[in-house]
Every structure is written in structure tokens, then in C-alpha cells.
Protein backbone atom coordinates (compact mmCIF):
# COMPACT_ATOMS: atom_id res chain seq x y z
CA UNK A 1 60.28 116.31 83.79
CA UNK A 2 63.55 116.79 81.85
CA UNK A 3 64.02 120.21 83.44
CA UNK A 4 63.60 118.77 86.95
CA UNK A 5 66.04 115.98 86.14
CA UNK A 6 68.64 118.50 84.93
CA UNK A 7 68.24 120.49 88.16
CA UNK A 8 68.71 117.36 90.25
CA UNK A 9 71.80 116.37 88.25
CA UNK A 10 73.21 119.89 88.62
CA UNK A 11 72.60 119.84 92.36
CA UNK A 12 74.23 116.42 92.70
CA UNK A 13 77.26 117.66 90.72
CA UNK A 14 77.65 120.65 93.03
CA UNK A 15 77.33 118.48 96.16
CA UNK A 16 79.89 116.01 94.80
CA UNK A 17 82.34 118.80 93.92
CA UNK A 18 81.96 120.38 97.36
CA UNK A 19 82.48 117.07 99.15
CA UNK A 20 85.61 116.33 97.14
CA UNK A 21 87.15 119.75 97.78
CA UNK A 22 86.17 119.77 101.46
CA UNK A 23 87.99 116.48 102.00
CA UNK A 24 91.15 117.94 100.46
CA UNK A 25 91.02 121.04 102.72
CA UNK A 26 92.14 118.78 105.55
CA UNK A 27 95.35 117.74 103.73
CA UNK A 28 98.47 119.80 104.54
CA UNK A 29 100.96 117.76 102.48
CA UNK A 30 100.61 114.92 100.01
CA UNK A 31 103.10 113.44 97.57
CA UNK A 32 104.09 110.05 96.22
CA UNK A 33 107.09 108.33 94.69
CA UNK A 34 106.59 106.02 91.71
CA UNK A 35 108.61 102.80 91.65
CA UNK A 36 110.49 101.93 88.49
CA UNK A 37 108.99 98.83 86.87
CA UNK A 38 106.83 98.37 90.02
CA UNK A 39 109.81 97.11 92.04
CA UNK A 40 110.73 98.82 95.32
CA UNK A 41 114.40 98.30 96.09
CA UNK A 42 115.35 98.32 99.77
CA UNK A 43 118.22 100.72 99.15
CA UNK A 44 115.93 103.28 97.42
CA UNK A 45 113.71 104.87 100.09
CA UNK A 46 110.74 107.05 99.23
CA UNK A 47 111.78 110.50 100.48
CA UNK A 48 109.54 113.45 101.27
CA UNK A 49 110.19 116.98 102.49
CA UNK A 50 107.61 119.49 103.64
CA UNK A 51 107.46 122.74 105.58
CA UNK A 52 105.40 123.00 108.73
CA UNK A 53 104.64 126.42 110.18
CA UNK A 54 102.16 125.24 112.82
CA UNK A 55 103.54 123.85 116.09
CA UNK A 56 100.25 124.00 118.00
CA UNK A 57 97.65 121.92 116.15
CA UNK A 58 97.58 118.14 115.89
CA UNK A 59 98.06 116.13 112.70
CA UNK A 60 97.71 112.60 111.36
CA UNK A 61 100.33 111.02 109.10
CA UNK A 62 99.35 108.37 106.58
CA UNK A 63 101.19 106.27 104.04
CA UNK A 64 99.55 105.55 100.70
CA UNK A 65 100.65 102.19 99.32
CA UNK A 66 99.67 101.45 95.74
CA UNK A 67 100.35 97.83 94.93
CA UNK A 68 99.40 95.31 92.29
CA UNK A 69 97.05 92.42 93.00
CA UNK A 70 100.06 90.18 92.38
CA UNK A 71 101.80 91.57 95.49
CA UNK A 72 103.00 88.47 97.33
CA UNK A 73 102.18 89.39 100.94
CA UNK A 74 99.19 90.47 103.02
CA UNK A 75 101.13 93.23 104.78
CA UNK A 76 104.14 95.51 104.42
CA UNK A 77 106.65 96.47 107.08
CA UNK A 78 108.10 99.96 106.81
CA UNK A 79 110.98 101.80 108.43
CA UNK A 80 109.93 105.45 108.64
CA UNK A 81 112.72 107.91 109.47
CA UNK A 82 111.87 111.44 110.57
CA UNK A 83 114.30 114.36 110.47
CA UNK A 84 113.26 117.45 112.41
CA UNK A 85 114.36 121.06 111.80
CA UNK A 86 116.62 120.85 114.88
CA UNK A 87 118.48 117.94 113.20
CA UNK A 88 117.11 115.29 115.56
CA UNK A 89 116.41 112.02 113.75
CA UNK A 90 114.45 108.95 114.80
CA UNK A 91 113.00 105.88 113.08
CA UNK A 92 109.73 104.01 113.60
CA UNK A 93 108.86 100.51 112.46
CA UNK A 94 105.34 100.37 111.03
CA UNK A 95 103.25 97.39 109.93
CA UNK A 96 100.74 98.14 107.18
CA UNK A 97 98.03 95.50 106.71
CA UNK A 98 97.11 95.25 103.02
CA UNK A 99 94.93 92.13 102.85
CA UNK A 100 92.70 90.10 105.12
CA UNK A 101 93.72 86.56 106.10
CA UNK A 102 91.45 85.19 103.34
CA UNK A 103 93.46 87.12 100.71
CA UNK A 104 90.88 89.84 100.05
CA UNK A 105 92.50 93.25 99.65
CA UNK A 106 91.70 95.83 102.34
CA UNK A 107 92.14 98.85 100.06
CA UNK A 108 90.23 99.87 96.99
CA UNK A 109 91.21 100.06 93.38
CA UNK A 110 90.47 99.52 89.76
CA UNK A 111 91.64 96.49 87.83
CA UNK A 112 94.85 95.02 89.18
CA UNK A 113 95.94 98.04 91.26
CA UNK A 114 95.01 98.46 94.93
CA UNK A 115 95.30 101.68 96.97
CA UNK A 116 95.77 101.45 100.72
CA UNK A 117 95.82 104.54 102.93
CA UNK A 118 97.24 103.52 106.31
CA UNK A 119 97.52 105.86 109.29
CA UNK A 120 100.82 105.38 111.09
CA UNK A 121 101.01 108.52 113.28
CA UNK A 122 97.85 109.86 114.88
CA UNK A 123 97.25 113.12 116.68
CA UNK A 124 100.86 114.33 116.60
CA UNK A 125 102.27 117.83 116.88
CA UNK A 126 105.26 119.15 115.02
CA UNK A 127 107.31 120.70 117.83
CA UNK A 128 109.06 123.35 115.78
CA UNK A 129 108.25 125.35 112.65
CA UNK A 130 110.52 124.48 109.75
CA UNK A 131 111.36 121.84 107.17
CA UNK A 132 110.69 118.19 107.97
CA UNK A 133 112.01 115.18 106.08
CA UNK A 134 110.43 111.74 106.06
CA UNK A 135 112.12 108.75 104.50
CA UNK A 136 110.23 105.46 104.03
CA UNK A 137 112.06 102.21 103.36
CA UNK A 138 110.42 98.80 103.23
CA UNK A 139 111.38 96.22 105.83
CA UNK A 140 110.39 93.07 103.99
CA UNK A 141 112.59 90.01 103.58
CA UNK A 142 113.04 90.53 99.85
CA UNK A 143 115.38 93.39 99.02
CA UNK A 144 113.52 93.90 95.74
CA UNK A 145 109.83 94.08 96.58
CA UNK A 146 107.74 93.38 93.47
CA UNK A 147 104.29 94.71 92.54
CA UNK A 148 104.69 98.02 94.38
CA UNK A 149 103.56 100.87 92.13
CA UNK A 150 104.11 103.82 94.47
CA UNK A 151 104.54 104.94 98.06
CA UNK A 152 103.01 108.19 99.22
CA UNK A 153 102.93 110.34 102.31
CA UNK A 154 99.96 112.40 103.52
CA UNK A 155 99.92 114.83 106.44
CA UNK A 156 96.47 116.06 107.41
CA UNK A 157 94.76 117.87 110.24
CA UNK A 158 93.85 115.38 112.96
CA UNK A 159 90.28 114.18 112.64
């Protein structure tokens, strides 16, 4: 009985490890910027730079917002600026829902920290191989947005 249980636990451990690593195989780039004292200042964008060699396949871009449960709003507006290798620059405005209308958080977390992974660009191609820059600035009414722990960027193969 104990031997069978150990085999089952070993098998479950292997399956869990494989599922975790297989999910990460899809990710091409992932990084985050921590906010000092959990305050995101409007004039301090989260900046990311990554190299893209593939101009054929499609990708999804997601923002990872880690906020405290004392965050004052149920959403977050972002200004996302993209800089391409050919020096062209453009900016998108993105709304990220963080809580339902009843106040329940959409994301998951432990304790008083909530993680939200929000897709803001789906099924896009990077037109040219090279270095890309993405700058994310919040577009909320308060210049100093409280209870924001970090902002992250993920680029993954389109699902």
C-alpha cells in the first residue's frame, strides 16, 4: 500500500513538473518592474526591451498587474508605447479590468496581493527581426497610483 502510494505521488510530481514546464515553453519574453513602496508614479513608466528574430509566427502580448487588495479601482488604464527596430513608434490605450462590479478581484493571489494577467494584443506579428521596446505608463486620474506592486510584460506564441 505504501509502495503504491509512493508511485502515485511520484507520477503526480512528474506530471505536475511537465505541465509547468510545458506552459513556459510558450513564453518568448517575460519580465516585470517592481514599484517602489507599491506606488506607481505616472512619470515612471515600466520599460521592457526584447529581441525578436521571428517575423512570421503570431504572438500574444499580455500585461501582468500585481496589485494589493487595497487598490482603489476596479480597472486600470494603460498607455502602451511600442518602438520597432525601424524606429517607428505608436501608442495604444488599454483598459485592464481587475475586479468585478461587486468588488471581487478577477485575478488570483495569496493574502493581500492579486495577480492579473491581461491580454492586450492578440495574434500579432512582429514585422521585422530586431530589438523591440515597450513602455507602459498608467493612465489613471491619480499621478501616484497606490497599491501597485509590479507591472510585467509577457510575449508568448499565439494560442
